[in-house]
Amino acid sequence: MNLPNRLTLARVLAVPLYVVFMLIPAIPFNYLWALVIFAAASITDMVDGKIARKRGLVTDLGKFLDPLADKVLVSAALICMVELRWTYSFLVIIIISREFIVSALRLAAAGSEKHVVIAAGIWGKLKTAVTMVSIVIITVGHIFIDNFGTLQQLPIGIISDILMYISALLTLISGIQYVVNYRHVLK
């Protein structure tokens, strides 16, 4: 397994640790640790692709595994955020539903006669980046609220809502784009 694929796999393996820190408040600075894990995992998303392209290590496994790792990481974070009441479940349902639909489309394409591998498109990459940054910003806001009592000065609820609505909108746009561009695979 090449380095980019190892980084992608590391992103998946970081998810259980992230969930533990997010959901166990008895751990000192739990949100801060979760933030560090999430940010590091998110950075590997940029790094693995750059290394793969620069060194000519782009593989079909990487094209399949990279978006899957993103889905696992982001879905885990969003589900934790719903559990903590940091966001609305209907927005998370929209985002995760799109992930299932695109994954099913990728599987159908890979299993087709032509064995098409659907790489992440620009809208999918933008959606992932915006969602990851939103998760980081929302987590930072809650770290400040929990540790410094700045609830009155920081409108984290409004900021969270705006960021999550933007993420859901980009999710819908990218999902529609995938279905339109690869509808021939469904025939």
N, C-alpha and C. Protein backbone atom coordinates (compact mmCIF):
# COMPACT_ATOMS: atom_id res chain seq x y z
N MET A 1 0.86 -1.18 0.00
CA MET A 1 0.00 0.00 0.00
C MET A 1 0.90 1.24 0.00
N ASN A 2 0.61 2.17 -0.90
CA ASN A 2 1.45 3.36 -1.00
C ASN A 2 1.12 4.39 0.09
N LEU A 3 1.97 5.41 0.21
CA LEU A 3 1.83 6.41 1.27
C LEU A 3 0.49 7.14 1.23
N PRO A 4 0.02 7.62 0.08
CA PRO A 4 -1.28 8.30 0.09
C PRO A 4 -2.41 7.40 0.60
N ASN A 5 -2.39 6.14 0.21
CA ASN A 5 -3.44 5.23 0.68
C ASN A 5 -3.31 4.95 2.17
N ARG A 6 -2.08 4.93 2.68
CA ARG A 6 -1.88 4.76 4.13
C ARG A 6 -2.44 5.97 4.90
N LEU A 7 -2.20 7.17 4.36
CA LEU A 7 -2.75 8.38 5.00
C LEU A 7 -4.28 8.35 5.01
N THR A 8 -4.84 7.88 3.91
CA THR A 8 -6.30 7.77 3.83
C THR A 8 -6.81 6.78 4.86
N LEU A 9 -6.14 5.65 4.97
CA LEU A 9 -6.53 4.63 5.96
C LEU A 9 -6.38 5.17 7.39
N ALA A 10 -5.34 5.96 7.62
CA ALA A 10 -5.15 6.57 8.95
C ALA A 10 -6.33 7.49 9.30
N ARG A 11 -6.87 8.15 8.28
CA ARG A 11 -8.03 9.02 8.50
C ARG A 11 -9.22 8.19 9.01
N VAL A 12 -9.41 7.03 8.45
CA VAL A 12 -10.51 6.15 8.89
C VAL A 12 -10.25 5.66 10.31
N LEU A 13 -9.01 5.29 10.59
CA LEU A 13 -8.67 4.76 11.91
C LEU A 13 -8.74 5.83 13.01
N ALA A 14 -8.68 7.10 12.64
CA ALA A 14 -8.78 8.19 13.61
C ALA A 14 -10.21 8.41 14.09
N VAL A 15 -11.17 7.92 13.34
CA VAL A 15 -12.58 8.18 13.65
C VAL A 15 -13.00 7.68 15.04
N PRO A 16 -12.70 6.44 15.42
CA PRO A 16 -13.13 6.01 16.77
C PRO A 16 -12.54 6.88 17.88
N LEU A 17 -11.29 7.28 17.74
CA LEU A 17 -10.68 8.17 18.74
C LEU A 17 -11.42 9.50 18.80
N TYR A 18 -11.73 10.04 17.65
CA TYR A 18 -12.46 11.31 17.58
C TYR A 18 -13.80 11.18 18.32
N VAL A 19 -14.52 10.11 18.04
CA VAL A 19 -15.84 9.91 18.65
C VAL A 19 -15.71 9.79 20.18
N VAL A 20 -14.73 9.07 20.65
CA VAL A 20 -14.52 8.93 22.09
C VAL A 20 -14.32 10.30 22.73
N PHE A 21 -13.45 11.11 22.15
CA PHE A 21 -13.20 12.44 22.74
C PHE A 21 -14.42 13.35 22.64
N MET A 22 -15.16 13.27 21.54
CA MET A 22 -16.32 14.14 21.40
C MET A 22 -17.43 13.80 22.39
N LEU A 23 -17.60 12.53 22.67
CA LEU A 23 -18.79 12.12 23.42
C LEU A 23 -18.55 11.74 24.87
N ILE A 24 -17.31 11.84 25.33
CA ILE A 24 -17.03 11.53 26.74
C ILE A 24 -16.55 12.81 27.43
N PRO A 25 -17.47 13.53 28.04
CA PRO A 25 -17.11 14.80 28.67
C PRO A 25 -16.21 14.66 29.90
N ALA A 26 -16.10 13.44 30.44
CA ALA A 26 -15.24 13.23 31.61
C ALA A 26 -13.76 13.36 31.26
N ILE A 27 -13.43 13.28 29.98
CA ILE A 27 -12.04 13.43 29.55
C ILE A 27 -11.71 14.91 29.54
N PRO A 28 -10.66 15.31 30.26
CA PRO A 28 -10.29 16.73 30.28
C PRO A 28 -10.01 17.25 28.87
N PHE A 29 -10.56 18.40 28.57
CA PHE A 29 -10.37 19.05 27.27
C PHE A 29 -10.80 18.14 26.12
N ASN A 30 -11.88 17.40 26.32
CA ASN A 30 -12.31 16.42 25.32
C ASN A 30 -12.56 17.03 23.94
N TYR A 31 -13.20 18.19 23.88
CA TYR A 31 -13.47 18.79 22.57
C TYR A 31 -12.18 19.25 21.89
N LEU A 32 -11.25 19.72 22.70
CA LEU A 32 -9.96 20.15 22.14
C LEU A 32 -9.23 18.96 21.52
N TRP A 33 -9.20 17.84 22.21
CA TRP A 33 -8.57 16.63 21.67
C TRP A 33 -9.29 16.16 20.41
N ALA A 34 -10.61 16.20 20.45
CA ALA A 34 -11.39 15.80 19.27
C ALA A 34 -11.08 16.73 18.09
N LEU A 35 -10.97 18.02 18.39
CA LEU A 35 -10.64 18.99 17.35
C LEU A 35 -9.28 18.70 16.73
N VAL A 36 -8.30 18.42 17.55
CA VAL A 36 -6.94 18.12 17.05
C VAL A 36 -6.98 16.88 16.14
N ILE A 37 -7.69 15.86 16.57
CA ILE A 37 -7.80 14.63 15.78
C ILE A 37 -8.51 14.91 14.46
N PHE A 38 -9.62 15.63 14.54
CA PHE A 38 -10.38 15.92 13.33
C PHE A 38 -9.57 16.78 12.36
N ALA A 39 -8.92 17.81 12.89
CA ALA A 39 -8.12 18.69 12.02
C ALA A 39 -6.97 17.93 11.37
N ALA A 40 -6.29 17.10 12.14
CA ALA A 40 -5.19 16.30 11.58
C ALA A 40 -5.70 15.35 10.51
N ALA A 41 -6.82 14.71 10.77
CA ALA A 41 -7.40 13.80 9.78
C ALA A 41 -7.83 14.56 8.53
N SER A 42 -8.38 15.74 8.72
CA SER A 42 -8.80 16.56 7.58
C SER A 42 -7.61 17.00 6.73
N ILE A 43 -6.52 17.31 7.39
CA ILE A 43 -5.31 17.71 6.66
C ILE A 43 -4.79 16.56 5.81
N THR A 44 -4.89 15.33 6.33
CA THR A 44 -4.44 14.19 5.51
C THR A 44 -5.24 14.07 4.23
N ASP A 45 -6.48 14.60 4.23
CA ASP A 45 -7.29 14.57 3.03
C ASP A 45 -6.65 15.40 1.92
N MET A 46 -6.07 16.53 2.28
CA MET A 46 -5.38 17.35 1.28
C MET A 46 -4.03 16.76 0.91
N VAL A 47 -3.32 16.29 1.91
CA VAL A 47 -1.96 15.81 1.72
C VAL A 47 -1.91 14.54 0.86
N ASP A 48 -2.79 13.59 1.14
CA ASP A 48 -2.72 12.33 0.41
C ASP A 48 -2.92 12.52 -1.09
N GLY A 49 -3.86 13.38 -1.45
CA GLY A 49 -4.10 13.64 -2.87
C GLY A 49 -2.94 14.33 -3.55
N LYS A 50 -2.34 15.29 -2.86
CA LYS A 50 -1.19 16.00 -3.43
C LYS A 50 -0.01 15.06 -3.64
N ILE A 51 0.25 14.22 -2.65
CA ILE A 51 1.35 13.26 -2.76
C ILE A 51 1.08 12.29 -3.90
N ALA A 52 -0.15 11.80 -3.98
CA ALA A 52 -0.50 10.83 -5.03
C ALA A 52 -0.30 11.42 -6.42
N ARG A 53 -0.74 12.66 -6.61
CA ARG A 53 -0.60 13.28 -7.93
C ARG A 53 0.85 13.63 -8.24
N LYS A 54 1.55 14.17 -7.24
CA LYS A 54 2.93 14.60 -7.45
C LYS A 54 3.86 13.43 -7.75
N ARG A 55 3.66 12.31 -7.07
CA ARG A 55 4.55 11.15 -7.23
C ARG A 55 4.00 10.10 -8.19
N GLY A 56 2.88 10.40 -8.84
CA GLY A 56 2.30 9.43 -9.76
C GLY A 56 1.79 8.18 -9.07
N LEU A 57 1.22 8.35 -7.88
CA LEU A 57 0.74 7.22 -7.09
C LEU A 57 -0.78 7.14 -7.05
N VAL A 58 -1.44 7.77 -8.01
CA VAL A 58 -2.90 7.72 -8.06
C VAL A 58 -3.32 6.30 -8.45
N THR A 59 -4.17 5.70 -7.62
CA THR A 59 -4.63 4.33 -7.87
C THR A 59 -6.15 4.29 -7.82
N ASP A 60 -6.71 3.24 -8.40
CA ASP A 60 -8.16 3.06 -8.31
C ASP A 60 -8.58 2.87 -6.85
N LEU A 61 -7.75 2.17 -6.07
CA LEU A 61 -8.04 2.01 -4.64
C LEU A 61 -8.10 3.36 -3.96
N GLY A 62 -7.15 4.23 -4.25
CA GLY A 62 -7.14 5.57 -3.66
C GLY A 62 -8.35 6.39 -4.08
N LYS A 63 -8.73 6.30 -5.35
CA LYS A 63 -9.91 7.03 -5.83
C LYS A 63 -11.17 6.57 -5.13
N PHE A 64 -11.21 5.31 -4.75
CA PHE A 64 -12.38 4.77 -4.06
C PHE A 64 -12.29 5.01 -2.56
N LEU A 65 -11.10 4.76 -1.98
CA LEU A 65 -10.92 4.84 -0.53
C LEU A 65 -10.95 6.27 0.00
N ASP A 66 -10.39 7.22 -0.74
CA ASP A 66 -10.31 8.60 -0.27
C ASP A 66 -11.69 9.20 0.01
N PRO A 67 -12.62 9.16 -0.95
CA PRO A 67 -13.94 9.71 -0.62
C PRO A 67 -14.66 8.93 0.47
N LEU A 68 -14.41 7.62 0.54
CA LEU A 68 -15.02 6.81 1.59
C LEU A 68 -14.51 7.25 2.97
N ALA A 69 -13.21 7.49 3.07
CA ALA A 69 -12.63 7.95 4.33
C ALA A 69 -13.22 9.30 4.74
N ASP A 70 -13.41 10.19 3.76
CA ASP A 70 -14.03 11.48 4.04
C ASP A 70 -15.44 11.29 4.59
N LYS A 71 -16.18 10.39 3.96
CA LYS A 71 -17.56 10.14 4.38
C LYS A 71 -17.62 9.61 5.82
N VAL A 72 -16.74 8.70 6.15
CA VAL A 72 -16.72 8.12 7.49
C VAL A 72 -16.38 9.20 8.53
N LEU A 73 -15.34 9.97 8.25
CA LEU A 73 -14.91 11.02 9.18
C LEU A 73 -15.99 12.08 9.37
N VAL A 74 -16.49 12.61 8.27
CA VAL A 74 -17.47 13.69 8.34
C VAL A 74 -18.79 13.18 8.93
N SER A 75 -19.23 11.99 8.54
CA SER A 75 -20.47 11.45 9.08
C SER A 75 -20.37 11.26 10.59
N ALA A 76 -19.24 10.72 11.05
CA ALA A 76 -19.05 10.54 12.50
C ALA A 76 -19.11 11.88 13.22
N ALA A 77 -18.45 12.88 12.66
CA ALA A 77 -18.45 14.21 13.29
C ALA A 77 -19.86 14.79 13.33
N LEU A 78 -20.58 14.68 12.23
CA LEU A 78 -21.93 15.25 12.18
C LEU A 78 -22.88 14.53 13.13
N ILE A 79 -22.76 13.22 13.22
CA ILE A 79 -23.61 12.46 14.14
C ILE A 79 -23.30 12.86 15.59
N CYS A 80 -22.03 13.04 15.90
CA CYS A 80 -21.66 13.52 17.24
C CYS A 80 -22.26 14.89 17.50
N MET A 81 -22.24 15.75 16.49
CA MET A 81 -22.79 17.10 16.64
C MET A 81 -24.30 17.06 16.89
N VAL A 82 -25.00 16.13 16.26
CA VAL A 82 -26.43 15.98 16.53
C VAL A 82 -26.63 15.50 17.96
N GLU A 83 -25.84 14.51 18.37
CA GLU A 83 -25.91 13.98 19.73
C GLU A 83 -25.70 15.09 20.77
N LEU A 84 -24.80 16.00 20.46
CA LEU A 84 -24.49 17.10 21.38
C LEU A 84 -25.43 18.30 21.21
N ARG A 85 -26.36 18.20 20.26
CA ARG A 85 -27.32 19.26 19.95
C ARG A 85 -26.65 20.51 19.42
N TRP A 86 -25.59 20.30 18.64
CA TRP A 86 -24.88 21.41 18.01
C TRP A 86 -25.43 21.71 16.62
N THR A 87 -26.20 20.81 16.07
CA THR A 87 -26.79 21.02 14.75
C THR A 87 -28.09 20.23 14.65
N TYR A 88 -28.80 20.47 13.56
CA TYR A 88 -30.09 19.83 13.34
C TYR A 88 -29.92 18.50 12.64
N SER A 89 -30.71 17.54 13.07
CA SER A 89 -30.61 16.21 12.48
C SER A 89 -31.02 16.21 11.01
N PHE A 90 -31.99 17.05 10.61
CA PHE A 90 -32.42 17.02 9.21
C PHE A 90 -31.30 17.46 8.27
N LEU A 91 -30.43 18.37 8.71
CA LEU A 91 -29.29 18.77 7.88
C LEU A 91 -28.29 17.63 7.74
N VAL A 92 -28.06 16.94 8.84
CA VAL A 92 -27.14 15.80 8.83
C VAL A 92 -27.72 14.67 7.98
N ILE A 93 -29.02 14.47 8.04
CA ILE A 93 -29.66 13.45 7.20
C ILE A 93 -29.47 13.77 5.72
N ILE A 94 -29.63 15.03 5.35
CA ILE A 94 -29.40 15.44 3.95
C ILE A 94 -27.96 15.11 3.54
N ILE A 95 -27.01 15.49 4.38
CA ILE A 95 -25.60 15.30 4.05
C ILE A 95 -25.25 13.81 3.97
N ILE A 96 -25.66 13.04 4.94
CA ILE A 96 -25.32 11.62 4.94
C ILE A 96 -26.07 10.87 3.84
N SER A 97 -27.31 11.25 3.56
CA SER A 97 -28.06 10.61 2.48
C SER A 97 -27.35 10.80 1.15
N ARG A 98 -26.84 11.98 0.90
CA ARG A 98 -26.09 12.23 -0.33
C ARG A 98 -24.88 11.31 -0.40
N GLU A 99 -24.24 11.09 0.73
CA GLU A 99 -23.06 10.23 0.75
C GLU A 99 -23.43 8.80 0.37
N PHE A 100 -24.56 8.30 0.87
CA PHE A 100 -25.01 6.96 0.50
C PHE A 100 -25.34 6.89 -1.00
N ILE A 101 -26.01 7.91 -1.50
CA ILE A 101 -26.40 7.92 -2.91
C ILE A 101 -25.17 7.93 -3.82
N VAL A 102 -24.20 8.78 -3.51
CA VAL A 102 -22.99 8.86 -4.33
C VAL A 102 -22.18 7.57 -4.20
N SER A 103 -22.13 7.00 -3.01
CA SER A 103 -21.42 5.72 -2.83
C SER A 103 -22.08 4.62 -3.65
N ALA A 104 -23.40 4.58 -3.64
CA ALA A 104 -24.12 3.58 -4.44
C ALA A 104 -23.84 3.79 -5.93
N LEU A 105 -23.80 5.02 -6.35
CA LEU A 105 -23.49 5.34 -7.74
C LEU A 105 -22.07 4.88 -8.10
N ARG A 106 -21.14 5.11 -7.19
CA ARG A 106 -19.76 4.66 -7.42
C ARG A 106 -19.68 3.14 -7.52
N LEU A 107 -20.39 2.45 -6.65
CA LEU A 107 -20.40 0.99 -6.69
C LEU A 107 -21.02 0.48 -7.99
N ALA A 108 -22.12 1.11 -8.42
CA ALA A 108 -22.75 0.71 -9.67
C ALA A 108 -21.81 0.95 -10.85
N ALA A 109 -21.09 2.07 -10.82
CA ALA A 109 -20.15 2.38 -11.90
C ALA A 109 -18.99 1.38 -11.92
N ALA A 110 -18.48 1.06 -10.75
CA ALA A 110 -17.36 0.11 -10.66
C ALA A 110 -17.79 -1.29 -11.09
N GLY A 111 -19.04 -1.63 -10.84
CA GLY A 111 -19.55 -2.95 -11.21
C GLY A 111 -20.10 -3.03 -12.62
N SER A 112 -20.11 -1.90 -13.33
CA SER A 112 -20.63 -1.89 -14.70
C SER A 112 -19.66 -2.58 -15.65
N GLU A 113 -20.11 -2.80 -16.86
CA GLU A 113 -19.28 -3.46 -17.87
C GLU A 113 -17.96 -2.73 -18.11
N LYS A 114 -18.00 -1.41 -18.02
CA LYS A 114 -16.80 -0.60 -18.27
C LYS A 114 -15.94 -0.41 -17.03
N HIS A 115 -16.41 -0.85 -15.87
CA HIS A 115 -15.68 -0.71 -14.60
C HIS A 115 -15.21 0.73 -14.38
N VAL A 116 -16.15 1.64 -14.44
CA VAL A 116 -15.86 3.07 -14.29
C VAL A 116 -15.56 3.39 -12.84
N VAL A 117 -14.46 4.11 -12.61
CA VAL A 117 -14.13 4.60 -11.27
C VAL A 117 -14.46 6.09 -11.24
N ILE A 118 -15.39 6.46 -10.38
CA ILE A 118 -15.82 7.86 -10.29
C ILE A 118 -14.98 8.55 -9.23
N ALA A 119 -14.11 9.41 -9.67
CA ALA A 119 -13.28 10.19 -8.74
C ALA A 119 -14.11 11.37 -8.22
N ALA A 120 -13.66 11.95 -7.13
CA ALA A 120 -14.36 13.10 -6.56
C ALA A 120 -14.29 14.27 -7.53
N GLY A 121 -15.44 14.91 -7.75
CA GLY A 121 -15.52 16.08 -8.61
C GLY A 121 -15.29 17.35 -7.81
N ILE A 122 -15.24 18.47 -8.50
CA ILE A 122 -14.95 19.75 -7.86
C ILE A 122 -16.03 20.12 -6.83
N TRP A 123 -17.31 19.86 -7.14
CA TRP A 123 -18.37 20.18 -6.18
C TRP A 123 -18.29 19.28 -4.95
N GLY A 124 -17.94 18.02 -5.17
CA GLY A 124 -17.77 17.10 -4.04
C GLY A 124 -16.61 17.51 -3.15
N LYS A 125 -15.51 17.92 -3.77
CA LYS A 125 -14.35 18.38 -3.00
C LYS A 125 -14.68 19.65 -2.23
N LEU A 126 -15.39 20.58 -2.89
CA LEU A 126 -15.77 21.83 -2.23
C LEU A 126 -16.70 21.54 -1.06
N LYS A 127 -17.66 20.66 -1.28
CA LYS A 127 -18.60 20.28 -0.22
C LYS A 127 -17.85 19.70 0.97
N THR A 128 -16.91 18.80 0.69
CA THR A 128 -16.14 18.18 1.77
C THR A 128 -15.32 19.22 2.52
N ALA A 129 -14.62 20.08 1.80
CA ALA A 129 -13.78 21.11 2.43
C ALA A 129 -14.62 22.05 3.30
N VAL A 130 -15.73 22.52 2.76
CA VAL A 130 -16.59 23.45 3.52
C VAL A 130 -17.16 22.76 4.76
N THR A 131 -17.58 21.52 4.60
CA THR A 131 -18.14 20.80 5.75
C THR A 131 -17.07 20.57 6.82
N MET A 132 -15.87 20.18 6.40
CA MET A 132 -14.79 19.97 7.38
C MET A 132 -14.43 21.26 8.10
N VAL A 133 -14.32 22.35 7.36
CA VAL A 133 -14.01 23.65 7.98
C VAL A 133 -15.14 24.06 8.91
N SER A 134 -16.38 23.83 8.50
CA SER A 134 -17.53 24.16 9.36
C SER A 134 -17.47 23.39 10.67
N ILE A 135 -17.15 22.11 10.58
CA ILE A 135 -17.06 21.29 11.79
C ILE A 135 -15.98 21.84 12.72
N VAL A 136 -14.85 22.23 12.16
CA VAL A 136 -13.76 22.80 12.96
C VAL A 136 -14.21 24.10 13.62
N ILE A 137 -14.83 25.00 12.86
CA ILE A 137 -15.26 26.29 13.41
C ILE A 137 -16.30 26.09 14.51
N ILE A 138 -17.25 25.22 14.28
CA ILE A 138 -18.30 24.96 15.28
C ILE A 138 -17.68 24.37 16.56
N THR A 139 -16.75 23.45 16.39
CA THR A 139 -16.08 22.84 17.56
C THR A 139 -15.29 23.89 18.33
N VAL A 140 -14.56 24.74 17.62
CA VAL A 140 -13.80 25.82 18.28
C VAL A 140 -14.75 26.71 19.07
N GLY A 141 -15.88 27.05 18.47
CA GLY A 141 -16.86 27.87 19.18
C GLY A 141 -17.33 27.24 20.48
N HIS A 142 -17.57 25.95 20.44
CA HIS A 142 -18.02 25.25 21.66
C HIS A 142 -16.89 25.09 22.68
N ILE A 143 -15.66 25.00 22.21
CA ILE A 143 -14.53 24.97 23.14
C ILE A 143 -14.48 26.29 23.91
N PHE A 144 -14.65 27.39 23.20
CA PHE A 144 -14.64 28.70 23.86
C PHE A 144 -15.80 28.84 24.84
N ILE A 145 -16.96 28.38 24.44
CA ILE A 145 -18.14 28.47 25.32
C ILE A 145 -17.91 27.65 26.59
N ASP A 146 -17.44 26.40 26.41
CA ASP A 146 -17.27 25.50 27.56
C ASP A 146 -16.13 25.91 28.48
N ASN A 147 -15.07 26.46 27.93
CA ASN A 147 -13.89 26.74 28.73
C ASN A 147 -13.76 28.19 29.18
N PHE A 148 -14.41 29.10 28.48
CA PHE A 148 -14.24 30.50 28.82
C PHE A 148 -15.55 31.22 29.09
N GLY A 149 -16.67 30.48 28.99
CA GLY A 149 -17.96 31.07 29.30
C GLY A 149 -18.33 32.24 28.43
N THR A 150 -17.97 32.22 27.18
CA THR A 150 -18.22 33.35 26.29
C THR A 150 -19.51 33.20 25.49
N LEU A 151 -20.49 32.55 26.08
CA LEU A 151 -21.75 32.29 25.37
C LEU A 151 -22.40 33.60 24.91
N GLN A 152 -22.40 34.61 25.75
CA GLN A 152 -23.06 35.87 25.39
C GLN A 152 -22.33 36.60 24.25
N GLN A 153 -21.02 36.52 24.22
CA GLN A 153 -20.26 37.24 23.21
C GLN A 153 -20.16 36.48 21.89
N LEU A 154 -20.37 35.18 21.91
CA LEU A 154 -20.16 34.36 20.73
C LEU A 154 -21.48 33.72 20.29
N PRO A 155 -22.05 34.19 19.18
CA PRO A 155 -23.32 33.62 18.73
C PRO A 155 -23.11 32.29 17.98
N ILE A 156 -22.58 31.30 18.69
CA ILE A 156 -22.20 30.04 18.05
C ILE A 156 -23.39 29.33 17.43
N GLY A 157 -24.57 29.46 18.02
CA GLY A 157 -25.76 28.83 17.44
C GLY A 157 -26.06 29.36 16.05
N ILE A 158 -26.01 30.66 15.88
CA ILE A 158 -26.28 31.28 14.57
C ILE A 158 -25.17 30.91 13.59
N ILE A 159 -23.93 30.98 14.05
CA ILE A 159 -22.80 30.63 13.18
C ILE A 159 -22.90 29.16 12.75
N SER A 160 -23.21 28.28 13.69
CA SER A 160 -23.37 26.85 13.39
C SER A 160 -24.46 26.63 12.35
N ASP A 161 -25.60 27.28 12.56
CA ASP A 161 -26.71 27.12 11.63
C ASP A 161 -26.33 27.57 10.22
N ILE A 162 -25.72 28.72 10.10
CA ILE A 162 -25.33 29.24 8.78
C ILE A 162 -24.36 28.28 8.10
N LEU A 163 -23.34 27.85 8.83
CA LEU A 163 -22.34 26.95 8.26
C LEU A 163 -22.96 25.62 7.84
N MET A 164 -23.85 25.09 8.66
CA MET A 164 -24.45 23.80 8.33
C MET A 164 -25.44 23.91 7.17
N TYR A 165 -26.15 25.03 7.06
CA TYR A 165 -27.03 25.22 5.91
C TYR A 165 -26.22 25.34 4.62
N ILE A 166 -25.10 26.02 4.68
CA ILE A 166 -24.22 26.12 3.51
C ILE A 166 -23.69 24.74 3.13
N SER A 167 -23.27 23.97 4.13
CA SER A 167 -22.78 22.61 3.86
C SER A 167 -23.87 21.75 3.23
N ALA A 168 -25.09 21.85 3.74
CA ALA A 168 -26.20 21.06 3.20
C ALA A 168 -26.51 21.49 1.76
N LEU A 169 -26.47 22.78 1.49
CA LEU A 169 -26.72 23.27 0.13
C LEU A 169 -25.66 22.76 -0.84
N LEU A 170 -24.39 22.86 -0.46
CA LEU A 170 -23.32 22.34 -1.31
C LEU A 170 -23.44 20.83 -1.50
N THR A 171 -23.89 20.15 -0.45
CA THR A 171 -24.11 18.71 -0.52
C THR A 171 -25.17 18.39 -1.57
N LEU A 172 -26.27 19.12 -1.55
CA LEU A 172 -27.33 18.89 -2.53
C LEU A 172 -26.83 19.16 -3.95
N ILE A 173 -26.12 20.27 -4.14
CA ILE A 173 -25.60 20.61 -5.47
C ILE A 173 -24.66 19.53 -5.97
N SER A 174 -23.73 19.09 -5.12
CA SER A 174 -22.77 18.08 -5.56
C SER A 174 -23.45 16.74 -5.81
N GLY A 175 -24.44 16.39 -5.00
CA GLY A 175 -25.17 15.14 -5.21
C GLY A 175 -25.92 15.14 -6.52
N ILE A 176 -26.59 16.23 -6.82
CA ILE A 176 -27.31 16.36 -8.10
C ILE A 176 -26.32 16.27 -9.26
N GLN A 177 -25.17 16.93 -9.12
CA GLN A 177 -24.16 16.91 -10.17
C GLN A 177 -23.67 15.49 -10.45
N TYR A 178 -23.42 14.70 -9.40
CA TYR A 178 -22.98 13.32 -9.59
C TYR A 178 -24.05 12.49 -10.30
N VAL A 179 -25.29 12.62 -9.86
CA VAL A 179 -26.37 11.84 -10.45
C VAL A 179 -26.56 12.22 -11.93
N VAL A 180 -26.54 13.51 -12.23
CA VAL A 180 -26.70 13.96 -13.63
C VAL A 180 -25.54 13.48 -14.48
N ASN A 181 -24.31 13.65 -13.99
CA ASN A 181 -23.12 13.29 -14.79
C ASN A 181 -22.98 11.79 -15.00
N TYR A 182 -23.46 10.99 -14.07
CA TYR A 182 -23.25 9.54 -14.16
C TYR A 182 -24.57 8.76 -14.23
N ARG A 183 -25.64 9.41 -14.66
CA ARG A 183 -26.93 8.72 -14.74
C ARG A 183 -26.90 7.55 -15.71
N HIS A 184 -25.99 7.62 -16.70
CA HIS A 184 -25.90 6.53 -17.66
C HIS A 184 -25.48 5.21 -16.99
N VAL A 185 -24.80 5.30 -15.86
CA VAL A 185 -24.37 4.10 -15.13
C VAL A 185 -25.58 3.39 -14.54
N LEU A 186 -26.63 4.14 -14.24
CA LEU A 186 -27.81 3.56 -13.61
C LEU A 186 -28.70 2.81 -14.60
N LYS A 187 -28.46 3.00 -15.89
CA LYS A 187 -29.31 2.36 -16.91
C LYS A 187 -28.94 0.92 -17.12
